[in-house]
Amino acid sequence: HRGHLGRRIRAMVLGDADLGDVAVAHAEREPLRVTVVDTAGAAKPFTHVVADQDEGLSRAYGQSDARGVVMFSGLGAGETRFEVRDAELRPMQVAGFDAAARTLSVSP
């Protein structure tokens, strides 16, 4: 229950289930590190990127550094969609995302 981490709260369960005590823990998620590159493989510095998981339930924003690297926190390991804009905030097309290499390819 958001906002009640580490505290006991009363919860209502519909049905006949006797759940007893239930422990709810916040799942720590490692930051997602992505390198933004153009279709030729050159780094795209200062690119604005929004990462979206779970159909908008988990979103994170970051701007790539001079090497094209952007860090996102609070995301899980699920399928990720990206919205990308260049340094002047013009929309860019996502050409592909290589999850294993953590590389996001974009084009103008």
Protein backbone atom coordinates (compact mmCIF):
# COMPACT_ATOMS: atom_id res chain seq x y z
CA HIS A 1 0.00 0.00 0.00
CA ARG A 2 1.76 3.12 -1.26
CA GLY A 3 2.67 5.44 1.61
CA HIS A 4 2.51 2.79 4.31
CA LEU A 5 5.82 1.02 3.77
CA GLY A 6 7.08 -0.46 7.03
CA ARG A 7 3.80 0.06 8.92
CA ARG A 8 0.95 -2.26 9.72
CA ILE A 9 -2.31 -1.45 7.97
CA ARG A 10 -5.71 -3.07 8.08
CA ALA A 11 -6.87 -4.52 4.75
CA MET A 12 -10.25 -5.93 3.76
CA VAL A 13 -10.26 -9.16 1.74
CA LEU A 14 -13.41 -10.13 -0.11
CA GLY A 15 -14.35 -13.79 0.15
CA ASP A 16 -13.71 -16.56 2.67
CA ALA A 17 -9.91 -16.67 2.52
CA ASP A 18 -8.05 -16.60 5.85
CA LEU A 19 -4.73 -15.08 4.88
CA GLY A 20 -3.39 -14.57 8.40
CA ASP A 21 -0.56 -12.04 8.57
CA VAL A 22 0.65 -10.88 5.19
CA ALA A 23 3.99 -9.13 4.78
CA VAL A 24 4.23 -6.65 1.95
CA ALA A 25 7.71 -5.48 0.98
CA HIS A 26 8.90 -2.82 -1.43
CA ALA A 27 10.78 -4.48 -4.27
CA GLU A 28 14.11 -2.76 -4.82
CA ARG A 29 14.75 -2.32 -8.50
CA GLU A 30 18.14 -1.74 -10.02
CA PRO A 31 18.46 1.36 -12.20
CA LEU A 32 18.03 0.77 -15.92
CA ARG A 33 21.05 2.13 -17.82
CA VAL A 34 20.41 2.71 -21.54
CA THR A 35 22.68 4.11 -24.25
CA VAL A 36 20.87 6.18 -26.87
CA VAL A 37 22.40 5.90 -30.34
CA ASP A 38 21.46 6.83 -33.89
CA THR A 39 20.90 4.11 -36.50
CA ALA A 40 24.61 4.22 -37.39
CA GLY A 41 25.57 3.52 -33.76
CA ALA A 42 26.79 7.02 -32.81
CA ALA A 43 25.86 8.25 -29.32
CA LYS A 44 23.02 10.77 -29.08
CA PRO A 45 23.88 13.16 -26.24
CA PHE A 46 21.32 15.27 -24.34
CA THR A 47 18.35 13.31 -25.69
CA HIS A 48 15.16 13.35 -23.60
CA VAL A 49 13.73 9.86 -23.00
CA VAL A 50 10.58 8.64 -21.25
CA ALA A 51 10.50 4.92 -20.43
CA ASP A 52 7.05 3.38 -19.97
CA GLN A 53 6.22 -0.03 -18.50
CA ASP A 54 2.96 -1.70 -17.53
CA GLU A 55 0.95 0.54 -19.86
CA GLY A 56 1.79 3.75 -18.02
CA LEU A 57 1.82 2.44 -14.46
CA SER A 58 5.61 2.69 -14.27
CA ARG A 59 7.18 5.68 -16.01
CA ALA A 60 10.58 7.28 -15.74
CA TYR A 61 12.26 10.23 -17.42
CA GLY A 62 15.91 10.86 -18.10
CA GLN A 63 18.18 12.92 -20.30
CA SER A 64 21.21 11.27 -21.85
CA ASP A 65 24.63 12.58 -20.90
CA ALA A 66 27.43 13.56 -23.28
CA ARG A 67 28.10 9.84 -23.98
CA GLY A 68 24.44 9.12 -24.77
CA VAL A 69 23.83 7.27 -21.49
CA VAL A 70 20.58 7.76 -19.60
CA MET A 71 19.67 6.23 -16.21
CA PHE A 72 16.13 5.32 -15.15
CA SER A 73 15.16 4.33 -11.63
CA GLY A 74 12.01 2.60 -10.40
CA LEU A 75 11.45 0.40 -13.44
CA GLY A 76 11.24 -3.37 -13.42
CA ALA A 77 12.33 -5.95 -15.93
CA GLY A 78 9.16 -5.87 -18.02
CA GLU A 79 8.64 -4.81 -21.60
CA THR A 80 9.59 -1.16 -21.98
CA ARG A 81 8.33 1.39 -24.50
CA PHE A 82 10.19 4.62 -25.12
CA GLU A 83 9.26 8.13 -26.17
CA VAL A 84 12.27 10.13 -27.36
CA ARG A 85 12.91 13.79 -28.13
CA ASP A 86 16.12 15.48 -29.22
CA ALA A 87 17.87 18.23 -27.24
CA GLU A 88 15.51 20.83 -28.77
CA LEU A 89 12.49 18.67 -27.75
CA ARG A 90 11.61 17.62 -31.31
CA PRO A 91 10.08 14.12 -31.44
CA MET A 92 12.34 11.30 -32.63
CA GLN A 93 11.46 7.84 -33.93
CA VAL A 94 12.50 4.75 -31.98
CA ALA A 95 14.19 2.45 -34.48
CA GLY A 96 14.70 -0.35 -31.98
CA PHE A 97 15.68 -1.38 -28.47
CA ASP A 98 18.24 -4.10 -27.80
CA ALA A 99 17.38 -5.18 -24.24
CA ALA A 100 20.48 -7.37 -23.90
CA ALA A 101 22.87 -4.59 -24.95
CA ARG A 102 20.70 -1.88 -23.34
CA THR A 103 20.89 0.17 -26.53
CA LEU A 104 18.07 2.38 -27.80
CA SER A 105 18.38 3.24 -31.51
CA VAL A 106 16.64 6.41 -32.67
CA SER A 107 16.25 8.40 -35.86
CA PRO A 108 15.03 11.97 -36.51
